[in-house]
Amino acid sequence: MVDPRRIRAARSGAAGSGPVVWWPSRDLRVEDNWALLKALEIAKDRGVPVVAVYNLEPGFSGGELRQHDFKVKSLRLLARDLEALGIPFFVEAGERAHRKVAERANALDAAAVVTDFSPLRRPRRWVEEVSRAARAAVLEVDAHNIVPPWIASDRREPYARTLRPKIAALLPEFLVPFPKPKPPVRFAGEWPKTDW
């Protein structure tokens, strides 16, 4: 379902008997999301549910009031769409909230942790820290770009004119329709209580 070239292992680890933890970061949507589709694919193969965990850290990306308002509205929509699929959605808030992602994954004996790729420094550090703390494998999936950057070029391109032809040559392979997400095995644990 998900092209394996779109996936990188941030950490290899033993698969637990619990759910797959989908950790969205950059792409807060259910539809057209390769990272969620990969989490669902792993869950289906193992016969386990999917649990979504988001880390809401104050002050990330400058955080003015309207940006936080937009983020909370996006999270509400994501929670609604995940509930329709039967996927519980936990929001970990506060300073260093990303560390709680690994704690929750370990507490659930996660089969894997799947996150979306972000090139930004702070999210890169989050993935590194979660990868060190989680027992399960941590996979990064490029859910944002049509062609993953590590496939488009094996070096930092100095100009857009040198990168464009490389991406154009790969478009027929990567510009494919998204499958519809299918509900995973139902999560039997305690669902989060939200009062949004």
C-alpha atoms as a PDB file:
ATOM      1  CA  MET A   1       0.000   0.000   0.000  1.00  0.00           C
ATOM      2  CA  VAL A   2       2.784   2.489   0.931  1.00  0.00           C
ATOM      3  CA  ASP A   3       5.864   2.663  -1.293  1.00  0.00           C
ATOM      4  CA  PRO A   4       8.768   1.459   0.906  1.00  0.00           C
ATOM      5  CA  ARG A   5      11.011   4.187  -0.538  1.00  0.00           C
ATOM      6  CA  ARG A   6       8.801   6.677   1.299  1.00  0.00           C
ATOM      7  CA  ILE A   7       9.787   5.148   4.678  1.00  0.00           C
ATOM      8  CA  ARG A   8      12.954   5.481   6.762  1.00  0.00           C
ATOM      9  CA  ALA A   9      13.701   3.714  10.018  1.00  0.00           C
ATOM     10  CA  ALA A  10      14.662   6.235  12.685  1.00  0.00           C
ATOM     11  CA  ARG A  11      15.150   3.296  15.047  1.00  0.00           C
ATOM     12  CA  SER A  12      14.862  -0.423  14.676  1.00  0.00           C
ATOM     13  CA  GLY A  13      13.349  -2.182  17.641  1.00  0.00           C
ATOM     14  CA  ALA A  14      11.394  -5.169  18.804  1.00  0.00           C
ATOM     15  CA  ALA A  15       7.713  -5.148  17.914  1.00  0.00           C
ATOM     16  CA  GLY A  16       5.582  -5.327  21.019  1.00  0.00           C
ATOM     17  CA  SER A  17       2.200  -6.982  21.276  1.00  0.00           C
ATOM     18  CA  GLY A  18       0.326  -3.691  21.623  1.00  0.00           C
ATOM     19  CA  PRO A  19      -1.071  -1.205  19.100  1.00  0.00           C
ATOM     20  CA  VAL A  20       0.785   0.742  16.460  1.00  0.00           C
ATOM     21  CA  VAL A  21       1.312   4.303  17.664  1.00  0.00           C
ATOM     22  CA  TRP A  22       0.740   6.878  14.925  1.00  0.00           C
ATOM     23  CA  TRP A  23       2.499  10.097  15.940  1.00  0.00           C
ATOM     24  CA  PRO A  24       1.410  12.897  13.573  1.00  0.00           C
ATOM     25  CA  SER A  25       3.556  15.987  13.585  1.00  0.00           C
ATOM     26  CA  ARG A  26       3.480  17.902  10.328  1.00  0.00           C
ATOM     27  CA  ASP A  27       0.495  16.408   8.545  1.00  0.00           C
ATOM     28  CA  LEU A  28      -2.618  16.591  10.726  1.00  0.00           C
ATOM     29  CA  ARG A  29      -5.096  14.813   8.500  1.00  0.00           C
ATOM     30  CA  VAL A  30      -6.608  11.387   8.010  1.00  0.00           C
ATOM     31  CA  GLU A  31      -7.215  11.596   4.267  1.00  0.00           C
ATOM     32  CA  ASP A  32      -4.248  11.405   1.890  1.00  0.00           C
ATOM     33  CA  ASN A  33      -1.715  10.670   4.627  1.00  0.00           C
ATOM     34  CA  TRP A  34       0.981   8.105   3.837  1.00  0.00           C
ATOM     35  CA  ALA A  35       2.175   7.970   7.466  1.00  0.00           C
ATOM     36  CA  LEU A  36      -1.281   7.009   8.764  1.00  0.00           C
ATOM     37  CA  LEU A  37      -1.675   4.527   5.915  1.00  0.00           C
ATOM     38  CA  LYS A  38       1.639   2.901   6.918  1.00  0.00           C
ATOM     39  CA  ALA A  39       0.512   2.703  10.557  1.00  0.00           C
ATOM     40  CA  LEU A  40      -2.743   1.073   9.421  1.00  0.00           C
ATOM     41  CA  GLU A  41      -0.810  -1.316   7.161  1.00  0.00           C
ATOM     42  CA  ILE A  42       1.434  -2.480  10.031  1.00  0.00           C
ATOM     43  CA  ALA A  43      -1.571  -2.796  12.342  1.00  0.00           C
ATOM     44  CA  LYS A  44      -3.449  -4.919   9.804  1.00  0.00           C
ATOM     45  CA  ASP A  45      -0.441  -7.217   9.290  1.00  0.00           C
ATOM     46  CA  ARG A  46      -0.064  -7.722  13.053  1.00  0.00           C
ATOM     47  CA  GLY A  47      -3.797  -7.785  13.890  1.00  0.00           C
ATOM     48  CA  VAL A  48      -3.517  -4.907  16.370  1.00  0.00           C
ATOM     49  CA  PRO A  49      -5.228  -1.506  16.712  1.00  0.00           C
ATOM     50  CA  VAL A  50      -3.797   1.949  15.998  1.00  0.00           C
ATOM     51  CA  VAL A  51      -3.535   4.682  18.615  1.00  0.00           C
ATOM     52  CA  ALA A  52      -2.784   8.306  17.642  1.00  0.00           C
ATOM     53  CA  VAL A  53      -0.621  10.441  19.941  1.00  0.00           C
ATOM     54  CA  TYR A  54       0.117  14.120  19.301  1.00  0.00           C
ATOM     55  CA  ASN A  55       2.597  16.263  21.240  1.00  0.00           C
ATOM     56  CA  LEU A  56       1.375  19.824  21.705  1.00  0.00           C
ATOM     57  CA  GLU A  57       4.344  21.871  22.872  1.00  0.00           C
ATOM     58  CA  PRO A  58       3.763  25.513  23.823  1.00  0.00           C
ATOM     59  CA  GLY A  59       5.798  28.059  21.920  1.00  0.00           C
ATOM     60  CA  PHE A  60       6.633  25.774  19.009  1.00  0.00           C
ATOM     61  CA  SER A  61       6.905  27.739  15.754  1.00  0.00           C
ATOM     62  CA  GLY A  62       6.466  31.131  17.351  1.00  0.00           C
ATOM     63  CA  GLY A  63       2.965  30.413  18.543  1.00  0.00           C
ATOM     64  CA  GLU A  64       0.825  33.546  18.257  1.00  0.00           C
ATOM     65  CA  LEU A  65      -2.798  33.271  19.350  1.00  0.00           C
ATOM     66  CA  ARG A  66      -4.231  32.800  15.847  1.00  0.00           C
ATOM     67  CA  GLN A  67      -1.658  30.057  15.111  1.00  0.00           C
ATOM     68  CA  HIS A  68      -2.619  28.208  18.288  1.00  0.00           C
ATOM     69  CA  ASP A  69      -6.295  28.684  17.458  1.00  0.00           C
ATOM     70  CA  PHE A  70      -5.723  27.191  13.993  1.00  0.00           C
ATOM     71  CA  LYS A  71      -3.764  24.282  15.520  1.00  0.00           C
ATOM     72  CA  VAL A  72      -6.496  23.478  18.053  1.00  0.00           C
ATOM     73  CA  LYS A  73      -9.179  23.619  15.336  1.00  0.00           C
ATOM     74  CA  SER A  74      -7.051  21.257  13.212  1.00  0.00           C
ATOM     75  CA  LEU A  75      -6.644  18.886  16.147  1.00  0.00           C
ATOM     76  CA  ARG A  76     -10.414  18.883  16.738  1.00  0.00           C
ATOM     77  CA  LEU A  77     -11.020  17.916  13.115  1.00  0.00           C
ATOM     78  CA  LEU A  78      -8.342  15.245  13.321  1.00  0.00           C
ATOM     79  CA  ALA A  79      -9.881  13.847  16.527  1.00  0.00           C
ATOM     80  CA  ARG A  80     -13.298  13.693  14.834  1.00  0.00           C
ATOM     81  CA  ASP A  81     -11.926  11.903  11.765  1.00  0.00           C
ATOM     82  CA  LEU A  82      -9.921   9.458  13.869  1.00  0.00           C
ATOM     83  CA  GLU A  83     -12.944   8.677  16.036  1.00  0.00           C
ATOM     84  CA  ALA A  84     -14.884   7.823  12.861  1.00  0.00           C
ATOM     85  CA  LEU A  85     -12.167   5.244  12.104  1.00  0.00           C
ATOM     86  CA  GLY A  86     -12.210   3.914  15.668  1.00  0.00           C
ATOM     87  CA  ILE A  87      -8.750   5.260  16.474  1.00  0.00           C
ATOM     88  CA  PRO A  88      -8.293   6.864  19.911  1.00  0.00           C
ATOM     89  CA  PHE A  89      -6.462  10.195  19.891  1.00  0.00           C
ATOM     90  CA  PHE A  90      -4.289  11.238  22.816  1.00  0.00           C
ATOM     91  CA  VAL A  91      -2.865  14.762  23.044  1.00  0.00           C
ATOM     92  CA  GLU A  92       0.220  15.143  25.201  1.00  0.00           C
ATOM     93  CA  ALA A  93       0.692  18.802  26.134  1.00  0.00           C
ATOM     94  CA  GLY A  94       3.394  20.782  27.883  1.00  0.00           C
ATOM     95  CA  GLU A  95       7.127  21.329  27.681  1.00  0.00           C
ATOM     96  CA  ARG A  96       8.951  18.285  26.302  1.00  0.00           C
ATOM     97  CA  ALA A  97       5.597  16.649  25.472  1.00  0.00           C
ATOM     98  CA  HIS A  98       7.287  14.614  22.743  1.00  0.00           C
ATOM     99  CA  ARG A  99       8.940  12.510  25.468  1.00  0.00           C
ATOM    100  CA  LYS A 100       5.468  11.401  26.534  1.00  0.00           C
ATOM    101  CA  VAL A 101       5.016   9.849  23.078  1.00  0.00           C
ATOM    102  CA  ALA A 102       7.768   7.328  23.846  1.00  0.00           C
ATOM    103  CA  GLU A 103       6.402   6.790  27.374  1.00  0.00           C
ATOM    104  CA  ARG A 104       2.932   6.040  26.016  1.00  0.00           C
ATOM    105  CA  ALA A 105       4.341   3.766  23.298  1.00  0.00           C
ATOM    106  CA  ASN A 106       6.331   1.836  25.918  1.00  0.00           C
ATOM    107  CA  ALA A 107       3.356   1.651  28.310  1.00  0.00           C
ATOM    108  CA  LEU A 108       1.198   0.248  25.482  1.00  0.00           C
ATOM    109  CA  ASP A 109       3.963  -2.208  24.423  1.00  0.00           C
ATOM    110  CA  ALA A 110       3.665  -0.681  20.950  1.00  0.00           C
ATOM    111  CA  ALA A 111       4.184  -2.786  17.849  1.00  0.00           C
ATOM    112  CA  ALA A 112       5.781   0.282  16.189  1.00  0.00           C
ATOM    113  CA  VAL A 113       5.779   4.071  16.258  1.00  0.00           C
ATOM    114  CA  VAL A 114       5.047   5.717  12.897  1.00  0.00           C
ATOM    115  CA  THR A 115       5.550   9.442  12.395  1.00  0.00           C
ATOM    116  CA  ASP A 116       5.592  11.825   9.475  1.00  0.00           C
ATOM    117  CA  PHE A 117       8.877  13.251   8.231  1.00  0.00           C
ATOM    118  CA  SER A 118       9.678  16.883   8.967  1.00  0.00           C
ATOM    119  CA  PRO A 119      12.885  18.613   7.855  1.00  0.00           C
ATOM    120  CA  LEU A 120      12.721  21.198  10.649  1.00  0.00           C
ATOM    121  CA  ARG A 121      15.377  21.055  13.393  1.00  0.00           C
ATOM    122  CA  ARG A 122      13.103  20.845  16.413  1.00  0.00           C
ATOM    123  CA  PRO A 123      10.909  18.013  15.076  1.00  0.00           C
ATOM    124  CA  ARG A 124      14.112  16.221  13.970  1.00  0.00           C
ATOM    125  CA  ARG A 125      15.328  16.379  17.588  1.00  0.00           C
ATOM    126  CA  TRP A 126      11.958  15.076  18.784  1.00  0.00           C
ATOM    127  CA  VAL A 127      12.280  12.040  16.510  1.00  0.00           C
ATOM    128  CA  GLU A 128      15.832  11.418  17.747  1.00  0.00           C
ATOM    129  CA  GLU A 129      14.750  11.613  21.402  1.00  0.00           C
ATOM    130  CA  VAL A 130      11.680   9.419  20.911  1.00  0.00           C
ATOM    131  CA  SER A 131      13.820   6.933  18.970  1.00  0.00           C
ATOM    132  CA  ARG A 132      16.259   6.664  21.890  1.00  0.00           C
ATOM    133  CA  ALA A 133      13.486   6.233  24.467  1.00  0.00           C
ATOM    134  CA  ALA A 134      11.011   3.955  22.640  1.00  0.00           C
ATOM    135  CA  ARG A 135      11.458   0.177  22.690  1.00  0.00           C
ATOM    136  CA  ALA A 136       9.590  -0.361  19.407  1.00  0.00           C
ATOM    137  CA  ALA A 137      10.805   0.575  15.949  1.00  0.00           C
ATOM    138  CA  VAL A 138      10.282   4.212  15.005  1.00  0.00           C
ATOM    139  CA  LEU A 139       9.504   4.785  11.325  1.00  0.00           C
ATOM    140  CA  GLU A 140       9.445   8.109   9.501  1.00  0.00           C
ATOM    141  CA  VAL A 141       7.167   8.337   6.490  1.00  0.00           C
ATOM    142  CA  ASP A 142       7.215  11.255   4.074  1.00  0.00           C
ATOM    143  CA  ALA A 143       3.541  12.179   4.049  1.00  0.00           C
ATOM    144  CA  HIS A 144       4.131  15.722   2.836  1.00  0.00           C
ATOM    145  CA  ASN A 145       6.029  15.587  -0.462  1.00  0.00           C
ATOM    146  CA  ILE A 146       5.070  13.808  -3.651  1.00  0.00           C
ATOM    147  CA  VAL A 147       8.654  12.557  -4.016  1.00  0.00           C
ATOM    148  CA  PRO A 148      10.540  12.007  -0.740  1.00  0.00           C
ATOM    149  CA  PRO A 149      13.574  14.316  -0.557  1.00  0.00           C
ATOM    150  CA  TRP A 150      15.985  11.444   0.129  1.00  0.00           C
ATOM    151  CA  ILE A 151      14.820   9.817  -3.117  1.00  0.00           C
ATOM    152  CA  ALA A 152      14.717  13.034  -5.187  1.00  0.00           C
ATOM    153  CA  SER A 153      18.404  13.728  -4.609  1.00  0.00           C
ATOM    154  CA  ASP A 154      21.238  12.195  -2.645  1.00  0.00           C
ATOM    155  CA  ARG A 155      22.773  15.601  -1.948  1.00  0.00           C
ATOM    156  CA  ARG A 156      21.752  19.119  -1.010  1.00  0.00           C
ATOM    157  CA  GLU A 157      20.813  20.749  -4.276  1.00  0.00           C
ATOM    158  CA  PRO A 158      22.198  24.274  -4.729  1.00  0.00           C
ATOM    159  CA  TYR A 159      19.399  25.425  -7.048  1.00  0.00           C
ATOM    160  CA  ALA A 160      15.784  24.615  -7.790  1.00  0.00           C
ATOM    161  CA  ARG A 161      16.761  24.232 -11.466  1.00  0.00           C
ATOM    162  CA  THR A 162      18.986  21.253 -10.569  1.00  0.00           C
ATOM    163  CA  LEU A 163      16.311  19.614  -8.416  1.00  0.00           C
ATOM    164  CA  ARG A 164      13.237  20.071 -10.642  1.00  0.00           C
ATOM    165  CA  PRO A 165      14.305  17.636 -13.388  1.00  0.00           C
ATOM    166  CA  LYS A 166      15.085  14.955 -10.800  1.00  0.00           C
ATOM    167  CA  ILE A 167      11.641  15.305  -9.240  1.00  0.00           C
ATOM    168  CA  ALA A 168       9.935  15.432 -12.640  1.00  0.00           C
ATOM    169  CA  ALA A 169      11.576  12.141 -13.649  1.00  0.00           C
ATOM    170  CA  LEU A 170      10.203  10.443 -10.505  1.00  0.00           C
ATOM    171  CA  LEU A 171       6.646  11.815 -10.657  1.00  0.00           C
ATOM    172  CA  PRO A 172       5.208   8.860 -12.628  1.00  0.00           C
ATOM    173  CA  GLU A 173       6.387   6.504  -9.865  1.00  0.00           C
ATOM    174  CA  PHE A 174       5.211   8.560  -6.884  1.00  0.00           C
ATOM    175  CA  LEU A 175       2.164  10.451  -8.155  1.00  0.00           C
ATOM    176  CA  VAL A 176      -0.306   7.684  -7.381  1.00  0.00           C
ATOM    177  CA  PRO A 177      -3.822   7.745  -5.935  1.00  0.00           C
ATOM    178  CA  PHE A 178      -4.186   7.472  -2.182  1.00  0.00           C
ATOM    179  CA  PRO A 179      -6.059   4.435  -0.889  1.00  0.00           C
ATOM    180  CA  LYS A 180      -8.902   5.117   1.541  1.00  0.00           C
ATOM    181  CA  PRO A 181      -7.932   4.464   5.167  1.00  0.00           C
ATOM    182  CA  LYS A 182      -9.723   1.403   6.541  1.00  0.00           C
ATOM    183  CA  PRO A 183     -10.624   1.045  10.220  1.00  0.00           C
ATOM    184  CA  PRO A 184      -8.122  -1.057  12.168  1.00  0.00           C
ATOM    185  CA  VAL A 185      -8.818  -3.584  14.927  1.00  0.00           C
ATOM    186  CA  ARG A 186     -10.820  -1.821  17.644  1.00  0.00           C
ATOM    187  CA  PHE A 187      -8.756  -0.445  20.550  1.00  0.00           C
ATOM    188  CA  ALA A 188      -9.835  -2.146  23.777  1.00  0.00           C
ATOM    189  CA  GLY A 189      -7.967   0.104  26.217  1.00  0.00           C
ATOM    190  CA  GLU A 190      -9.133   3.267  27.915  1.00  0.00           C
ATOM    191  CA  TRP A 191     -10.014   5.995  25.434  1.00  0.00           C
ATOM    192  CA  PRO A 192      -8.842   9.546  26.059  1.00  0.00           C
ATOM    193  CA  LYS A 193     -11.260  11.940  27.697  1.00  0.00           C
ATOM    194  CA  THR A 194     -11.347  15.178  25.749  1.00  0.00           C
ATOM    195  CA  ASP A 195     -13.326  18.320  26.439  1.00  0.00           C
ATOM    196  CA  TRP A 196     -12.541  20.316  23.368  1.00  0.00           C
END
